[in-house]
Amino acid sequence: MYCLPSFASHWLMPRLHDFHIKHPQIDLHLVAELNEPNFHKEVVDIGICHGIGDQHALEHTFLFCDYVYPVISSELLQKQPLTQLEDLAKTVLLHDSLPQAKLSTSWSRWLLEHGVCNIDCSSGYRFNQVDLIVRAVLDSRGVALGRHVLVAKEIERGRLQPLFNDYE
């Protein structure tokens, strides 16, 4: 089985125990890598990927929609209330340092899509892995753009809070 490392650690791993209980006869070999395998040349039974990409000849099953929204630790939100988009100028923004990557998030793109153009997105901390971004926001280092599938459990636990009612 293939999937991205961040998806494996935040979505798949918490569900593997239940999967094993329901299907004890299935042995699982998980390969979590950034580069998607070539399903035509490599032996991969299942791949959890974002979109179809160039693998059109394979069988596809839609799992769910994902969406991106700002998240903050509950601790930081108590210290620094952020009630409107313009308040983001008062805090540290946590960035994905790989803007060209398939699933990267971009503060400048997100703010532009929400009609905000007066916030300088050039400052803050940059990370090349989503796990590091999630860890930084959990540690109250700033506000991150979170992919719902990767931050939902931390929101359920009350450790992270979505901002600006942009959470569905």
Protein backbone atom coordinates (compact mmCIF):
# COMPACT_ATOMS: atom_id res chain seq x y z
CA MET A 1 0.00 0.00 0.00
CA TYR A 2 1.26 3.50 -0.88
CA CYS A 3 0.34 6.92 0.49
CA LEU A 4 2.00 10.21 1.41
CA PRO A 5 3.83 10.26 4.78
CA SER A 6 1.63 12.99 6.29
CA PHE A 7 -1.54 11.15 5.26
CA ALA A 8 -0.14 7.93 6.71
CA SER A 9 0.67 9.45 10.09
CA HIS A 10 -2.40 11.67 10.54
CA TRP A 11 -5.19 9.72 8.84
CA LEU A 12 -4.22 6.13 8.08
CA MET A 13 -2.24 5.09 11.15
CA PRO A 14 -5.04 5.93 13.63
CA ARG A 15 -7.34 3.64 11.61
CA LEU A 16 -5.03 0.65 11.07
CA HIS A 17 -5.86 -1.10 14.32
CA ASP A 18 -9.57 -1.17 13.48
CA PHE A 19 -8.73 -2.37 9.97
CA HIS A 20 -6.63 -5.21 11.40
CA ILE A 21 -9.42 -6.23 13.80
CA LYS A 22 -11.90 -6.41 10.88
CA HIS A 23 -9.45 -8.05 8.43
CA PRO A 24 -6.86 -10.05 10.40
CA GLN A 25 -6.09 -12.20 7.35
CA ILE A 26 -4.66 -9.22 5.42
CA ASP A 27 -0.96 -8.50 5.82
CA LEU A 28 -0.14 -4.86 5.20
CA HIS A 29 3.08 -3.40 3.88
CA LEU A 30 2.80 0.38 3.97
CA VAL A 31 5.14 2.51 1.89
CA ALA A 32 4.80 6.19 2.80
CA GLU A 33 6.79 8.31 0.37
CA LEU A 34 6.52 11.73 -1.22
CA ASN A 35 6.95 10.38 -4.73
CA GLU A 36 3.95 8.54 -6.12
CA PRO A 37 4.90 5.09 -7.46
CA ASN A 38 4.47 4.04 -11.06
CA PHE A 39 1.59 1.65 -10.57
CA HIS A 40 2.24 0.06 -13.99
CA LYS A 41 5.86 -0.88 -13.22
CA GLU A 42 5.92 -1.34 -9.44
CA VAL A 43 4.10 -3.93 -7.35
CA VAL A 44 1.58 -1.83 -5.43
CA ASP A 45 -1.84 -3.27 -4.70
CA ILE A 46 -3.40 -0.08 -3.33
CA GLY A 47 -2.38 3.55 -3.54
CA ILE A 48 -4.08 6.39 -1.74
CA CYS A 49 -3.35 9.39 -3.91
CA HIS A 50 -4.62 12.91 -4.33
CA GLY A 51 -6.33 13.00 -7.70
CA ILE A 52 -5.89 10.67 -10.63
CA GLY A 53 -2.69 12.16 -12.03
CA ASP A 54 -1.36 10.31 -15.05
CA GLN A 55 -2.56 6.87 -13.90
CA HIS A 56 -5.81 6.93 -15.92
CA ALA A 57 -5.88 3.23 -16.83
CA LEU A 58 -6.15 2.10 -13.21
CA GLU A 59 -9.28 1.53 -11.17
CA HIS A 60 -10.11 4.54 -8.99
CA THR A 61 -12.36 4.93 -5.96
CA PHE A 62 -13.18 8.37 -4.58
CA LEU A 63 -12.60 8.49 -0.80
CA PHE A 64 -13.48 12.05 0.25
CA CYS A 65 -13.09 15.76 -0.43
CA ASP A 66 -10.42 17.61 1.45
CA TYR A 67 -10.23 21.32 2.08
CA VAL A 68 -7.79 23.83 3.54
CA TYR A 69 -8.42 26.38 6.31
CA PRO A 70 -6.42 28.26 8.97
CA VAL A 71 -5.81 26.46 12.25
CA ILE A 72 -4.32 27.63 15.53
CA SER A 73 -3.57 25.89 18.81
CA SER A 74 -6.18 26.40 21.51
CA GLU A 75 -3.42 27.72 23.77
CA LEU A 76 -2.25 30.38 21.31
CA LEU A 77 -5.83 31.42 20.52
CA GLN A 78 -6.41 32.17 24.20
CA LYS A 79 -3.30 34.38 24.28
CA GLN A 80 -3.86 36.00 20.90
CA PRO A 81 -7.52 36.16 19.84
CA LEU A 82 -7.94 36.24 16.07
CA THR A 83 -11.48 37.09 15.05
CA GLN A 84 -11.12 38.42 11.50
CA LEU A 85 -8.86 37.71 8.55
CA GLU A 86 -6.94 40.97 9.00
CA ASP A 87 -5.82 39.74 12.45
CA LEU A 88 -3.48 37.31 10.68
CA ALA A 89 -1.11 40.26 10.22
CA LYS A 90 -0.57 40.18 14.02
CA THR A 91 0.65 36.58 14.21
CA VAL A 92 3.33 34.27 12.83
CA LEU A 93 2.29 32.43 9.69
CA LEU A 94 3.49 28.85 9.25
CA HIS A 95 4.26 28.06 5.60
CA ASP A 96 4.69 25.06 3.37
CA SER A 97 8.16 25.62 1.90
CA LEU A 98 7.40 23.50 -1.16
CA PRO A 99 4.86 25.66 -3.01
CA GLN A 100 5.37 23.67 -6.21
CA ALA A 101 4.38 20.39 -4.55
CA LYS A 102 1.10 18.77 -5.52
CA LEU A 103 -0.60 19.25 -2.13
CA SER A 104 1.16 22.32 -0.85
CA THR A 105 -0.70 25.13 0.82
CA SER A 106 -0.07 28.79 0.13
CA TRP A 107 -1.02 31.67 2.40
CA SER A 108 -0.84 34.17 -0.47
CA ARG A 109 -3.16 32.04 -2.63
CA TRP A 110 -5.56 31.34 0.27
CA LEU A 111 -5.76 35.01 1.30
CA LEU A 112 -6.27 36.11 -2.31
CA GLU A 113 -9.11 33.58 -2.67
CA HIS A 114 -10.68 35.13 0.45
CA GLY A 115 -10.36 38.69 -0.81
CA VAL A 116 -7.49 39.76 1.47
CA CYS A 117 -4.54 41.46 -0.18
CA ASN A 118 -3.11 43.67 2.57
CA ILE A 119 -1.27 41.00 4.60
CA ASP A 120 2.44 40.42 4.04
CA CYS A 121 2.84 36.65 3.65
CA SER A 122 6.62 36.71 3.25
CA SER A 123 7.44 36.35 6.96
CA GLY A 124 6.98 33.42 9.30
CA TYR A 125 8.37 29.90 9.49
CA ARG A 126 8.71 27.53 6.54
CA PHE A 127 8.69 23.75 6.68
CA ASN A 128 9.19 21.16 3.95
CA GLN A 129 6.92 18.54 5.54
CA VAL A 130 3.32 18.76 6.68
CA ASP A 131 4.11 16.82 9.87
CA LEU A 132 6.46 19.63 10.88
CA ILE A 133 3.82 22.27 10.16
CA VAL A 134 1.24 20.42 12.26
CA ARG A 135 3.78 20.00 15.08
CA ALA A 136 4.63 23.72 14.95
CA VAL A 137 0.99 24.80 15.16
CA LEU A 138 0.36 22.33 18.00
CA ASP A 139 3.37 23.88 19.78
CA SER A 140 1.76 27.35 19.43
CA ARG A 141 4.40 28.65 17.01
CA GLY A 142 1.82 30.35 14.78
CA VAL A 143 -1.13 29.84 12.47
CA ALA A 144 -1.04 27.24 9.69
CA LEU A 145 -3.16 26.38 6.72
CA GLY A 146 -4.32 22.90 7.59
CA ARG A 147 -5.69 20.23 5.31
CA HIS A 148 -8.83 18.98 7.02
CA VAL A 149 -7.92 15.31 6.62
CA LEU A 150 -4.64 15.96 8.48
CA VAL A 151 -5.89 18.20 11.31
CA ALA A 152 -9.41 16.89 12.01
CA LYS A 153 -8.33 14.60 14.88
CA GLU A 154 -6.50 17.46 16.63
CA ILE A 155 -9.61 19.64 16.24
CA GLU A 156 -11.77 16.85 17.69
CA ARG A 157 -9.35 16.60 20.64
CA GLY A 158 -9.57 20.38 21.16
CA ARG A 159 -5.85 20.92 20.62
CA LEU A 160 -6.39 22.88 17.39
CA GLN A 161 -9.08 25.38 16.52
CA PRO A 162 -10.26 26.37 13.04
CA LEU A 163 -10.32 30.10 12.45
CA PHE A 164 -12.87 32.46 10.86
CA ASN A 165 -15.68 29.91 10.52
CA ASP A 166 -13.87 28.48 7.52
CA TYR A 167 -14.29 24.96 8.83
CA GLU A 168 -17.09 22.71 7.60
